[in-house]
Amino acid sequence: MPSLSLFDQAPAEGHRLAFERWLEDQRSTGSLRQPSSIQVYRDMWGGFTAWCLGQSPAVTLSSLDVRDLQAFQAARFGMK
């Protein structure tokens, strides 16, 4: 019987794939073209992903709700 990993990467992969799909959609509509803008969005998403996965329990995209978004904003602006 194979052992299970203690560190499940599935939530991080879900966040990464969601961003890549969003980015592809933005590129296909011509809404996002500049490499510097893409990097800003990538960095912002990375911060959001880190926050989500740092929560206990981790916030997945399927469990995300308005309270999670409010808590993320509070943490970003030092109000937590």
PDB file of N, CA and C in Angstrom:
ATOM      1  N   MET A   1       0.849  -1.180   0.000  1.00  0.00           N
ATOM      2  CA  MET A   1       0.000   0.000   0.000  1.00  0.00           C
ATOM      3  C   MET A   1       0.892   1.240   0.000  1.00  0.00           C
ATOM      4  N   PRO A   2       0.724   2.147  -0.974  1.00  0.00           N
ATOM      5  CA  PRO A   2       1.562   3.344  -1.019  1.00  0.00           C
ATOM      6  C   PRO A   2       1.205   4.308   0.106  1.00  0.00           C
ATOM      7  N   SER A   3       2.220   4.993   0.604  1.00  0.00           N
ATOM      8  CA  SER A   3       1.961   5.962   1.671  1.00  0.00           C
ATOM      9  C   SER A   3       1.467   7.273   1.063  1.00  0.00           C
ATOM     10  N   LEU A   4       0.639   7.972   1.818  1.00  0.00           N
ATOM     11  CA  LEU A   4       0.104   9.249   1.374  1.00  0.00           C
ATOM     12  C   LEU A   4       1.033  10.371   1.803  1.00  0.00           C
ATOM     13  N   SER A   5       1.123  11.391   0.999  1.00  0.00           N
ATOM     14  CA  SER A   5       1.943  12.549   1.327  1.00  0.00           C
ATOM     15  C   SER A   5       1.312  13.325   2.475  1.00  0.00           C
ATOM     16  N   LEU A   6       2.157  13.817   3.361  1.00  0.00           N
ATOM     17  CA  LEU A   6       1.663  14.675   4.434  1.00  0.00           C
ATOM     18  C   LEU A   6       1.353  16.076   3.918  1.00  0.00           C
ATOM     19  N   PHE A   7       1.885  16.404   2.770  1.00  0.00           N
ATOM     20  CA  PHE A   7       1.743  17.742   2.229  1.00  0.00           C
ATOM     21  C   PHE A   7       1.021  17.680   0.890  1.00  0.00           C
ATOM     22  N   ASP A   8      -0.289  17.755   0.939  1.00  0.00           N
ATOM     23  CA  ASP A   8      -1.125  17.670  -0.255  1.00  0.00           C
ATOM     24  C   ASP A   8      -0.931  18.919  -1.112  1.00  0.00           C
ATOM     25  N   GLN A   9      -0.554  18.738  -2.350  1.00  0.00           N
ATOM     26  CA  GLN A   9      -0.327  19.854  -3.257  1.00  0.00           C
ATOM     27  C   GLN A   9      -1.565  20.205  -4.080  1.00  0.00           C
ATOM     28  N   ALA A  10      -2.626  19.452  -3.937  1.00  0.00           N
ATOM     29  CA  ALA A  10      -3.806  19.673  -4.775  1.00  0.00           C
ATOM     30  C   ALA A  10      -4.381  21.084  -4.655  1.00  0.00           C
ATOM     31  N   PRO A  11      -4.550  21.657  -3.447  1.00  0.00           N
ATOM     32  CA  PRO A  11      -5.106  23.014  -3.383  1.00  0.00           C
ATOM     33  C   PRO A  11      -4.233  24.041  -4.104  1.00  0.00           C
ATOM     34  N   ALA A  12      -2.925  23.955  -3.949  1.00  0.00           N
ATOM     35  CA  ALA A  12      -2.032  24.903  -4.624  1.00  0.00           C
ATOM     36  C   ALA A  12      -2.156  24.759  -6.137  1.00  0.00           C
ATOM     37  N   GLU A  13      -2.250  23.544  -6.604  1.00  0.00           N
ATOM     38  CA  GLU A  13      -2.381  23.302  -8.041  1.00  0.00           C
ATOM     39  C   GLU A  13      -3.692  23.874  -8.566  1.00  0.00           C
ATOM     40  N   GLY A  14      -4.750  23.745  -7.793  1.00  0.00           N
ATOM     41  CA  GLY A  14      -6.038  24.307  -8.194  1.00  0.00           C
ATOM     42  C   GLY A  14      -5.978  25.820  -8.337  1.00  0.00           C
ATOM     43  N   HIS A  15      -5.307  26.470  -7.394  1.00  0.00           N
ATOM     44  CA  HIS A  15      -5.151  27.924  -7.463  1.00  0.00           C
ATOM     45  C   HIS A  15      -4.315  28.310  -8.689  1.00  0.00           C
ATOM     46  N   ARG A  16      -3.244  27.575  -8.936  1.00  0.00           N
ATOM     47  CA  ARG A  16      -2.369  27.878 -10.072  1.00  0.00           C
ATOM     48  C   ARG A  16      -3.121  27.726 -11.394  1.00  0.00           C
ATOM     49  N   LEU A  17      -3.849  26.624 -11.520  1.00  0.00           N
ATOM     50  CA  LEU A  17      -4.604  26.384 -12.757  1.00  0.00           C
ATOM     51  C   LEU A  17      -5.686  27.437 -12.978  1.00  0.00           C
ATOM     52  N   ALA A  18      -6.340  27.852 -11.913  1.00  0.00           N
ATOM     53  CA  ALA A  18      -7.375  28.884 -12.039  1.00  0.00           C
ATOM     54  C   ALA A  18      -6.770  30.174 -12.571  1.00  0.00           C
ATOM     55  N   PHE A  19      -5.606  30.541 -12.051  1.00  0.00           N
ATOM     56  CA  PHE A  19      -4.962  31.757 -12.539  1.00  0.00           C
ATOM     57  C   PHE A  19      -4.569  31.615 -14.005  1.00  0.00           C
ATOM     58  N   GLU A  20      -3.979  30.499 -14.354  1.00  0.00           N
ATOM     59  CA  GLU A  20      -3.539  30.305 -15.740  1.00  0.00           C
ATOM     60  C   GLU A  20      -4.726  30.339 -16.706  1.00  0.00           C
ATOM     61  N   ARG A  21      -5.848  29.772 -16.311  1.00  0.00           N
ATOM     62  CA  ARG A  21      -7.049  29.819 -17.161  1.00  0.00           C
ATOM     63  C   ARG A  21      -7.559  31.248 -17.303  1.00  0.00           C
ATOM     64  N   TRP A  22      -7.571  31.982 -16.179  1.00  0.00           N
ATOM     65  CA  TRP A  22      -7.997  33.376 -16.215  1.00  0.00           C
ATOM     66  C   TRP A  22      -7.066  34.183 -17.122  1.00  0.00           C
ATOM     67  N   LEU A  23      -5.769  33.978 -16.971  1.00  0.00           N
ATOM     68  CA  LEU A  23      -4.788  34.698 -17.773  1.00  0.00           C
ATOM     69  C   LEU A  23      -4.974  34.409 -19.265  1.00  0.00           C
ATOM     70  N   GLU A  24      -5.171  33.163 -19.599  1.00  0.00           N
ATOM     71  CA  GLU A  24      -5.385  32.803 -21.003  1.00  0.00           C
ATOM     72  C   GLU A  24      -6.631  33.489 -21.555  1.00  0.00           C
ATOM     73  N   ASP A  25      -7.684  33.554 -20.761  1.00  0.00           N
ATOM     74  CA  ASP A  25      -8.906  34.233 -21.185  1.00  0.00           C
ATOM     75  C   ASP A  25      -8.642  35.722 -21.414  1.00  0.00           C
ATOM     76  N   GLN A  26      -7.911  36.347 -20.504  1.00  0.00           N
ATOM     77  CA  GLN A  26      -7.591  37.770 -20.646  1.00  0.00           C
ATOM     78  C   GLN A  26      -6.748  38.031 -21.892  1.00  0.00           C
ATOM     79  N   ARG A  27      -5.805  37.157 -22.136  1.00  0.00           N
ATOM     80  CA  ARG A  27      -4.963  37.304 -23.330  1.00  0.00           C
ATOM     81  C   ARG A  27      -5.783  37.123 -24.606  1.00  0.00           C
ATOM     82  N   SER A  28      -6.678  36.143 -24.615  1.00  0.00           N
ATOM     83  CA  SER A  28      -7.448  35.853 -25.830  1.00  0.00           C
ATOM     84  C   SER A  28      -8.402  36.984 -26.188  1.00  0.00           C
ATOM     85  N   THR A  29      -8.864  37.732 -25.195  1.00  0.00           N
ATOM     86  CA  THR A  29      -9.752  38.862 -25.471  1.00  0.00           C
ATOM     87  C   THR A  29      -8.980  40.157 -25.677  1.00  0.00           C
ATOM     88  N   GLY A  30      -7.659  40.103 -25.517  1.00  0.00           N
ATOM     89  CA  GLY A  30      -6.838  41.295 -25.688  1.00  0.00           C
ATOM     90  C   GLY A  30      -6.864  42.230 -24.502  1.00  0.00           C
ATOM     91  N   SER A  31      -7.433  41.778 -23.389  1.00  0.00           N
ATOM     92  CA  SER A  31      -7.536  42.621 -22.200  1.00  0.00           C
ATOM     93  C   SER A  31      -6.223  42.768 -21.451  1.00  0.00           C
ATOM     94  N   LEU A  32      -5.337  41.822 -21.621  1.00  0.00           N
ATOM     95  CA  LEU A  32      -4.085  41.834 -20.870  1.00  0.00           C
ATOM     96  C   LEU A  32      -2.966  41.400 -21.804  1.00  0.00           C
ATOM     97  N   ARG A  33      -2.068  42.328 -22.105  1.00  0.00           N
ATOM     98  CA  ARG A  33      -1.001  42.029 -23.059  1.00  0.00           C
ATOM     99  C   ARG A  33       0.390  42.330 -22.534  1.00  0.00           C
ATOM    100  N   GLN A  34       0.513  43.319 -21.681  1.00  0.00           N
ATOM    101  CA  GLN A  34       1.826  43.764 -21.228  1.00  0.00           C
ATOM    102  C   GLN A  34       2.434  42.778 -20.232  1.00  0.00           C
ATOM    103  N   PRO A  35       3.669  42.341 -20.480  1.00  0.00           N
ATOM    104  CA  PRO A  35       4.323  41.418 -19.544  1.00  0.00           C
ATOM    105  C   PRO A  35       4.397  41.969 -18.120  1.00  0.00           C
ATOM    106  N   SER A  36       4.597  43.269 -17.985  1.00  0.00           N
ATOM    107  CA  SER A  36       4.677  43.846 -16.638  1.00  0.00           C
ATOM    108  C   SER A  36       3.324  43.763 -15.927  1.00  0.00           C
ATOM    109  N   SER A  37       2.239  43.955 -16.651  1.00  0.00           N
ATOM    110  CA  SER A  37       0.903  43.832 -16.054  1.00  0.00           C
ATOM    111  C   SER A  37       0.623  42.389 -15.666  1.00  0.00           C
ATOM    112  N   ILE A  38       1.003  41.477 -16.529  1.00  0.00           N
ATOM    113  CA  ILE A  38       0.815  40.055 -16.229  1.00  0.00           C
ATOM    114  C   ILE A  38       1.569  39.691 -14.959  1.00  0.00           C
ATOM    115  N   GLN A  39       2.782  40.208 -14.806  1.00  0.00           N
ATOM    116  CA  GLN A  39       3.570  39.897 -13.613  1.00  0.00           C
ATOM    117  C   GLN A  39       2.927  40.464 -12.350  1.00  0.00           C
ATOM    118  N   VAL A  40       2.357  41.657 -12.445  1.00  0.00           N
ATOM    119  CA  VAL A  40       1.663  42.241 -11.290  1.00  0.00           C
ATOM    120  C   VAL A  40       0.500  41.348 -10.876  1.00  0.00           C
ATOM    121  N   TYR A  41      -0.312  40.932 -11.835  1.00  0.00           N
ATOM    122  CA  TYR A  41      -1.438  40.044 -11.520  1.00  0.00           C
ATOM    123  C   TYR A  41      -0.948  38.706 -10.966  1.00  0.00           C
ATOM    124  N   ARG A  42       0.132  38.184 -11.526  1.00  0.00           N
ATOM    125  CA  ARG A  42       0.683  36.915 -11.047  1.00  0.00           C
ATOM    126  C   ARG A  42       1.144  37.055  -9.587  1.00  0.00           C
ATOM    127  N   ASP A  43       1.812  38.165  -9.277  1.00  0.00           N
ATOM    128  CA  ASP A  43       2.270  38.405  -7.904  1.00  0.00           C
ATOM    129  C   ASP A  43       1.099  38.573  -6.945  1.00  0.00           C
ATOM    130  N   MET A  44       0.070  39.308  -7.382  1.00  0.00           N
ATOM    131  CA  MET A  44      -1.108  39.499  -6.532  1.00  0.00           C
ATOM    132  C   MET A  44      -1.802  38.163  -6.270  1.00  0.00           C
ATOM    133  N   TRP A  45      -1.943  37.359  -7.315  1.00  0.00           N
ATOM    134  CA  TRP A  45      -2.577  36.048  -7.154  1.00  0.00           C
ATOM    135  C   TRP A  45      -1.740  35.158  -6.242  1.00  0.00           C
ATOM    136  N   GLY A  46      -0.418  35.265  -6.383  1.00  0.00           N
ATOM    137  CA  GLY A  46       0.469  34.485  -5.516  1.00  0.00           C
ATOM    138  C   GLY A  46       0.276  34.833  -4.052  1.00  0.00           C
ATOM    139  N   GLY A  47       0.116  36.126  -3.753  1.00  0.00           N
ATOM    140  CA  GLY A  47      -0.143  36.548  -2.376  1.00  0.00           C
ATOM    141  C   GLY A  47      -1.470  36.017  -1.867  1.00  0.00           C
ATOM    142  N   PHE A  48      -2.482  36.060  -2.719  1.00  0.00           N
ATOM    143  CA  PHE A  48      -3.795  35.538  -2.344  1.00  0.00           C
ATOM    144  C   PHE A  48      -3.734  34.034  -2.112  1.00  0.00           C
ATOM    145  N   THR A  49      -3.054  33.331  -3.001  1.00  0.00           N
ATOM    146  CA  THR A  49      -2.907  31.882  -2.859  1.00  0.00           C
ATOM    147  C   THR A  49      -2.181  31.533  -1.569  1.00  0.00           C
ATOM    148  N   ALA A  50      -1.099  32.246  -1.279  1.00  0.00           N
ATOM    149  CA  ALA A  50      -0.347  31.985  -0.045  1.00  0.00           C
ATOM    150  C   ALA A  50      -1.231  32.197   1.175  1.00  0.00           C
ATOM    151  N   TRP A  51      -2.028  33.253   1.156  1.00  0.00           N
ATOM    152  CA  TRP A  51      -2.929  33.499   2.278  1.00  0.00           C
ATOM    153  C   TRP A  51      -3.942  32.359   2.398  1.00  0.00           C
ATOM    154  N   CYS A  52      -4.569  31.987   1.282  1.00  0.00           N
ATOM    155  CA  CYS A  52      -5.583  30.921   1.298  1.00  0.00           C
ATOM    156  C   CYS A  52      -5.024  29.629   1.877  1.00  0.00           C
ATOM    157  N   LEU A  53      -3.857  29.238   1.403  1.00  0.00           N
ATOM    158  CA  LEU A  53      -3.293  27.960   1.821  1.00  0.00           C
ATOM    159  C   LEU A  53      -2.677  28.030   3.207  1.00  0.00           C
ATOM    160  N   GLY A  54      -2.462  29.235   3.711  1.00  0.00           N
ATOM    161  CA  GLY A  54      -1.938  29.406   5.059  1.00  0.00           C
ATOM    162  C   GLY A  54      -3.013  29.390   6.131  1.00  0.00           C
ATOM    163  N   GLN A  55      -4.269  29.380   5.726  1.00  0.00           N
ATOM    164  CA  GLN A  55      -5.373  29.347   6.687  1.00  0.00           C
ATOM    165  C   GLN A  55      -5.585  27.913   7.167  1.00  0.00           C
ATOM    166  N   SER A  56      -6.221  27.797   8.318  1.00  0.00           N
ATOM    167  CA  SER A  56      -6.502  26.467   8.854  1.00  0.00           C
ATOM    168  C   SER A  56      -7.989  26.365   9.154  1.00  0.00           C
ATOM    169  N   PRO A  57      -8.724  25.591   8.388  1.00  0.00           N
ATOM    170  CA  PRO A  57      -8.290  24.804   7.238  1.00  0.00           C
ATOM    171  C   PRO A  57      -8.000  25.716   6.043  1.00  0.00           C
ATOM    172  N   ALA A  58      -7.248  25.189   5.099  1.00  0.00           N
ATOM    173  CA  ALA A  58      -6.902  25.955   3.901  1.00  0.00           C
ATOM    174  C   ALA A  58      -8.168  26.365   3.158  1.00  0.00           C
ATOM    175  N   VAL A  59      -8.132  27.548   2.578  1.00  0.00           N
ATOM    176  CA  VAL A  59      -9.253  28.038   1.776  1.00  0.00           C
ATOM    177  C   VAL A  59      -9.036  27.581   0.337  1.00  0.00           C
ATOM    178  N   THR A  60      -9.930  26.760  -0.140  1.00  0.00           N
ATOM    179  CA  THR A  60      -9.865  26.314  -1.533  1.00  0.00           C
ATOM    180  C   THR A  60     -10.783  27.209  -2.359  1.00  0.00           C
ATOM    181  N   LEU A  61     -10.627  27.160  -3.650  1.00  0.00           N
ATOM    182  CA  LEU A  61     -11.489  27.982  -4.497  1.00  0.00           C
ATOM    183  C   LEU A  61     -12.942  27.539  -4.410  1.00  0.00           C
ATOM    184  N   SER A  62     -13.168  26.268  -4.167  1.00  0.00           N
ATOM    185  CA  SER A  62     -14.553  25.795  -4.048  1.00  0.00           C
ATOM    186  C   SER A  62     -15.176  26.164  -2.705  1.00  0.00           C
ATOM    187  N   SER A  63     -14.352  26.413  -1.686  1.00  0.00           N
ATOM    188  CA  SER A  63     -14.898  26.787  -0.380  1.00  0.00           C
ATOM    189  C   SER A  63     -14.873  28.292  -0.143  1.00  0.00           C
ATOM    190  N   LEU A  64     -14.247  29.045  -1.016  1.00  0.00           N
ATOM    191  CA  LEU A  64     -14.078  30.491  -0.876  1.00  0.00           C
ATOM    192  C   LEU A  64     -15.423  31.193  -0.779  1.00  0.00           C
ATOM    193  N   ASP A  65     -15.556  32.091   0.203  1.00  0.00           N
ATOM    194  CA  ASP A  65     -16.776  32.886   0.304  1.00  0.00           C
ATOM    195  C   ASP A  65     -16.411  34.328   0.650  1.00  0.00           C
ATOM    196  N   VAL A  66     -17.420  35.174   0.785  1.00  0.00           N
ATOM    197  CA  VAL A  66     -17.182  36.598   1.007  1.00  0.00           C
ATOM    198  C   VAL A  66     -16.428  36.847   2.314  1.00  0.00           C
ATOM    199  N   ARG A  67     -16.669  36.037   3.333  1.00  0.00           N
ATOM    200  CA  ARG A  67     -15.942  36.219   4.603  1.00  0.00           C
ATOM    201  C   ARG A  67     -14.458  35.974   4.420  1.00  0.00           C
ATOM    202  N   ASP A  68     -14.110  34.996   3.588  1.00  0.00           N
ATOM    203  CA  ASP A  68     -12.699  34.744   3.300  1.00  0.00           C
ATOM    204  C   ASP A  68     -12.076  35.947   2.599  1.00  0.00           C
ATOM    205  N   LEU A  69     -12.778  36.500   1.636  1.00  0.00           N
ATOM    206  CA  LEU A  69     -12.255  37.665   0.917  1.00  0.00           C
ATOM    207  C   LEU A  69     -12.085  38.858   1.852  1.00  0.00           C
ATOM    208  N   GLN A  70     -13.032  39.046   2.762  1.00  0.00           N
ATOM    209  CA  GLN A  70     -12.920  40.136   3.730  1.00  0.00           C
ATOM    210  C   GLN A  70     -11.739  39.911   4.671  1.00  0.00           C
ATOM    211  N   ALA A  71     -11.529  38.676   5.098  1.00  0.00           N
ATOM    212  CA  ALA A  71     -10.396  38.360   5.972  1.00  0.00           C
ATOM    213  C   ALA A  71      -9.075  38.569   5.240  1.00  0.00           C
ATOM    214  N   PHE A  72      -9.026  38.210   3.966  1.00  0.00           N
ATOM    215  CA  PHE A  72      -7.818  38.430   3.167  1.00  0.00           C
ATOM    216  C   PHE A  72      -7.528  39.921   3.057  1.00  0.00           C
ATOM    217  N   GLN A  73      -8.544  40.713   2.757  1.00  0.00           N
ATOM    218  CA  GLN A  73      -8.347  42.159   2.670  1.00  0.00           C
ATOM    219  C   GLN A  73      -7.867  42.723   3.999  1.00  0.00           C
ATOM    220  N   ALA A  74      -8.460  42.286   5.087  1.00  0.00           N
ATOM    221  CA  ALA A  74      -8.049  42.771   6.405  1.00  0.00           C
ATOM    222  C   ALA A  74      -6.592  42.422   6.680  1.00  0.00           C
ATOM    223  N   ALA A  75      -6.191  41.224   6.310  1.00  0.00           N
ATOM    224  CA  ALA A  75      -4.801  40.805   6.513  1.00  0.00           C
ATOM    225  C   ALA A  75      -3.860  41.636   5.644  1.00  0.00           C
ATOM    226  N   ARG A  76      -4.264  41.926   4.421  1.00  0.00           N
ATOM    227  CA  ARG A  76      -3.425  42.721   3.505  1.00  0.00           C
ATOM    228  C   ARG A  76      -3.233  44.142   3.999  1.00  0.00           C
ATOM    229  N   PHE A  77      -4.255  44.681   4.617  1.00  0.00           N
ATOM    230  CA  PHE A  77      -4.197  46.070   5.043  1.00  0.00           C
ATOM    231  C   PHE A  77      -3.903  46.208   6.527  1.00  0.00           C
ATOM    232  N   GLY A  78      -3.414  45.131   7.150  1.00  0.00           N
ATOM    233  CA  GLY A  78      -2.992  45.179   8.542  1.00  0.00           C
ATOM    234  C   GLY A  78      -4.108  45.388   9.540  1.00  0.00           C
ATOM    235  N   MET A  79      -5.311  44.962   9.212  1.00  0.00           N
ATOM    236  CA  MET A  79      -6.451  45.146  10.109  1.00  0.00           C
ATOM    237  C   MET A  79      -6.829  43.868  10.835  1.00  0.00           C
ATOM    238  N   LYS A  80      -6.021  42.829  10.681  1.00  0.00           N
ATOM    239  CA  LYS A  80      -6.350  41.546  11.312  1.00  0.00           C
ATOM    240  C   LYS A  80      -5.673  41.457  12.655  1.00  0.00           C
TER     241      LYS A  80
END
